[in-house]
Amino acid sequence: MKFICNQCQRTIFNRRLEHCEFCGAQIPEQLRLTTQEQEELEDEYLESRRHKGSISREPATRGGDFSSDWCWDE
């Protein structure tokens, strides 16, 4: 299934957002990911990172900010 913005007819690339990234129109709830789906995706992402050996524990909080699980070596 292709997810298209009703307003601008562009592809919805991030179904976690409430508004279209191109035109700002509200994305209908039935096209957005549910909270459970978002959590499942984040769990899958974290599990894949653990299998690659890049992280060894759960982050302190959830929230979809995948940039917070790494840091620069000092």
Protein backbone atom coordinates (compact mmCIF):
# COMPACT_ATOMS: atom_id res chain seq x y z
CA MET A 1 0.00 0.00 0.00
CA LYS A 2 1.25 3.45 -0.86
CA PHE A 3 0.65 6.19 1.68
CA ILE A 4 -0.24 9.50 0.02
CA CYS A 5 -1.04 12.90 1.53
CA ASN A 6 -4.65 13.82 0.77
CA GLN A 7 -3.69 17.49 0.34
CA CYS A 8 -0.56 17.52 -1.85
CA GLN A 9 -0.65 13.95 -3.19
CA ARG A 10 2.98 13.29 -2.21
CA THR A 11 4.22 10.10 -0.58
CA ILE A 12 4.14 10.01 3.21
CA PHE A 13 7.61 8.81 4.18
CA ASN A 14 7.34 9.17 7.96
CA ARG A 15 4.10 7.73 9.31
CA ARG A 16 5.07 8.71 12.87
CA LEU A 17 4.35 12.37 12.14
CA GLU A 18 0.94 14.00 12.49
CA HIS A 19 1.52 16.43 9.61
CA CYS A 20 2.76 16.06 6.04
CA GLU A 21 6.43 16.95 5.71
CA PHE A 22 5.76 18.73 2.39
CA CYS A 23 2.57 20.74 2.80
CA GLY A 24 1.88 20.60 6.56
CA ALA A 25 -1.58 19.07 6.17
CA GLN A 26 -2.82 16.80 8.96
CA ILE A 27 -2.20 13.13 8.14
CA PRO A 28 -5.35 11.08 8.81
CA GLU A 29 -5.03 8.81 11.83
CA GLN A 30 -5.65 5.67 9.75
CA LEU A 31 -2.49 6.44 7.73
CA ARG A 32 -0.27 7.05 10.79
CA LEU A 33 1.45 4.37 12.83
CA THR A 34 -0.21 3.53 16.12
CA THR A 35 1.74 3.92 19.37
CA GLN A 36 2.08 0.14 19.51
CA GLU A 37 3.43 -0.02 15.94
CA GLN A 38 5.96 2.72 16.74
CA GLU A 39 7.12 0.85 19.85
CA GLU A 40 7.45 -2.40 17.89
CA LEU A 41 9.56 -0.66 15.24
CA GLU A 42 11.80 0.87 17.89
CA ASP A 43 12.19 -2.53 19.60
CA GLU A 44 13.14 -4.13 16.26
CA TYR A 45 15.65 -1.36 15.62
CA LEU A 46 17.24 -1.73 19.06
CA GLU A 47 17.37 -5.51 18.70
CA SER A 48 19.11 -5.23 15.33
CA ARG A 49 21.65 -2.80 16.84
CA ARG A 50 22.33 -5.23 19.71
CA HIS A 51 22.92 -8.06 17.22
CA LYS A 52 25.47 -5.89 15.45
CA GLY A 53 27.18 -5.27 18.78
CA SER A 54 26.85 -1.51 18.60
CA ILE A 55 24.86 -1.11 21.83
CA SER A 56 24.72 -3.31 24.88
CA ARG A 57 21.72 -2.02 26.85
CA GLU A 58 18.34 -0.33 26.49
CA PRO A 59 18.32 3.47 26.32
CA ALA A 60 16.90 5.19 29.41
CA THR A 61 13.84 6.49 27.55
CA ARG A 62 11.82 5.70 24.48
CA GLY A 63 10.93 8.30 21.94
CA GLY A 64 12.22 7.42 18.51
CA ASP A 65 15.38 9.52 18.74
CA PHE A 66 17.77 6.94 17.36
CA SER A 67 20.66 9.42 17.37
CA SER A 68 20.84 9.26 21.18
CA ASP A 69 22.25 5.71 21.34
CA TRP A 70 25.76 6.61 20.19
CA CYS A 71 28.41 9.13 21.09
CA TRP A 72 31.74 10.38 19.77
CA ASP A 73 34.85 8.86 21.34
CA GLU A 74 36.74 11.51 23.22
